[in-house]
Amino acid sequence: MLTITLPGTGDAAGIPVHGCDTPSCEEARRYPWLRRLQTCVLVQSKTTSILLDIGNEMHVESLHQLTLDAVFITHLHHDHYAGLQALKWSK
């Protein structure tokens, strides 16, 4: 069985964005469960865990108990690879 988890579904800035007063950002400030980190997808089978993109170090914190077999960076925009440095130092 394959499991897909979406630790991050926001855009480059995540949600809420500093200084933004749109309804989406305002609601995300009021309700923490509506906050979204940069794009990140975790694909797992019984034997393998692969991370597609790693938006920032907050993703690393949320995945610290997981053993990753691979990290696949889709493209070189900062919001897709910024967490690599933090991942390097994690267990």
Protein backbone atom coordinates (compact mmCIF):
# COMPACT_ATOMS: atom_id res chain seq x y z
CA MET A 1 0.00 0.00 0.00
CA LEU A 2 1.18 3.50 -0.81
CA THR A 3 0.52 6.44 1.52
CA ILE A 4 0.80 10.06 0.42
CA THR A 5 0.99 12.80 3.07
CA LEU A 6 1.00 16.52 2.31
CA PRO A 7 3.03 18.28 5.05
CA GLY A 8 2.97 21.48 3.00
CA THR A 9 0.41 22.78 0.51
CA GLY A 10 1.12 26.51 0.56
CA ASP A 11 2.83 28.69 -2.00
CA ALA A 12 6.37 30.08 -1.78
CA ALA A 13 5.55 32.17 1.28
CA GLY A 14 3.21 29.72 2.98
CA ILE A 15 -0.04 30.87 4.53
CA PRO A 16 -0.41 33.34 6.23
CA VAL A 17 1.92 35.78 4.51
CA HIS A 18 3.46 38.59 6.53
CA GLY A 19 1.50 41.80 5.98
CA CYS A 20 -1.29 40.08 4.04
CA ASP A 21 -4.85 41.01 4.97
CA THR A 22 -6.78 38.70 2.65
CA PRO A 23 -9.48 36.50 4.21
CA SER A 24 -7.25 33.39 3.78
CA CYS A 25 -4.34 34.92 5.66
CA GLU A 26 -6.55 36.44 8.36
CA GLU A 27 -8.29 33.09 8.97
CA ALA A 28 -4.93 31.29 9.11
CA ARG A 29 -3.78 33.71 11.81
CA ARG A 30 -6.93 33.06 13.85
CA TYR A 31 -7.05 29.29 13.31
CA PRO A 32 -3.66 27.51 13.40
CA TRP A 33 -5.00 24.42 11.59
CA LEU A 34 -5.48 26.57 8.47
CA ARG A 35 -1.78 27.55 8.30
CA ARG A 36 0.10 26.03 5.39
CA LEU A 37 3.81 25.49 4.88
CA GLN A 38 5.58 25.49 1.52
CA THR A 39 5.09 22.55 -0.81
CA CYS A 40 6.21 19.18 0.52
CA VAL A 41 4.95 15.67 -0.26
CA LEU A 42 5.81 12.46 1.62
CA VAL A 43 5.34 9.19 -0.27
CA GLN A 44 5.58 5.99 1.80
CA SER A 45 5.30 2.29 1.21
CA LYS A 46 5.95 -0.48 3.74
CA THR A 47 9.66 -0.36 2.93
CA THR A 48 10.42 3.09 1.54
CA SER A 49 9.90 6.77 2.43
CA ILE A 50 10.53 9.44 -0.19
CA LEU A 51 10.16 13.17 0.32
CA LEU A 52 9.29 15.33 -2.69
CA ASP A 53 10.59 18.84 -1.99
CA ILE A 54 11.36 20.16 1.48
CA GLY A 55 10.07 23.69 1.74
CA ASN A 56 11.73 24.79 4.98
CA GLU A 57 13.16 23.65 8.30
CA MET A 58 9.68 23.39 9.83
CA HIS A 59 9.09 20.35 7.61
CA VAL A 60 12.19 18.71 9.05
CA GLU A 61 10.86 19.25 12.58
CA SER A 62 7.54 17.64 11.70
CA LEU A 63 9.24 14.63 10.08
CA HIS A 64 12.04 14.09 12.64
CA GLN A 65 10.92 10.57 13.63
CA LEU A 66 10.93 9.35 10.04
CA THR A 67 13.78 7.60 8.24
CA LEU A 68 13.94 8.91 4.70
CA ASP A 69 15.29 6.80 1.87
CA ALA A 70 15.40 9.66 -0.62
CA VAL A 71 14.63 13.32 -1.10
CA PHE A 72 13.58 14.42 -4.56
CA ILE A 73 13.77 18.15 -5.34
CA THR A 74 11.45 18.98 -8.23
CA HIS A 75 13.14 22.28 -9.12
CA LEU A 76 15.54 24.83 -7.71
CA HIS A 77 13.23 27.42 -6.20
CA HIS A 78 14.01 28.24 -2.59
CA ASP A 79 10.56 27.16 -1.38
CA HIS A 80 11.28 23.63 -2.65
CA TYR A 81 14.75 23.03 -1.20
CA ALA A 82 15.24 25.39 1.79
CA GLY A 83 14.86 22.61 4.36
CA LEU A 84 17.79 20.59 3.03
CA GLN A 85 20.30 22.26 5.36
CA ALA A 86 18.18 21.45 8.42
CA LEU A 87 17.65 17.90 7.16
CA LYS A 88 21.43 17.42 6.97
CA TRP A 89 21.71 17.92 10.74
CA SER A 90 18.64 15.94 11.75
CA LYS A 91 18.63 12.33 12.92
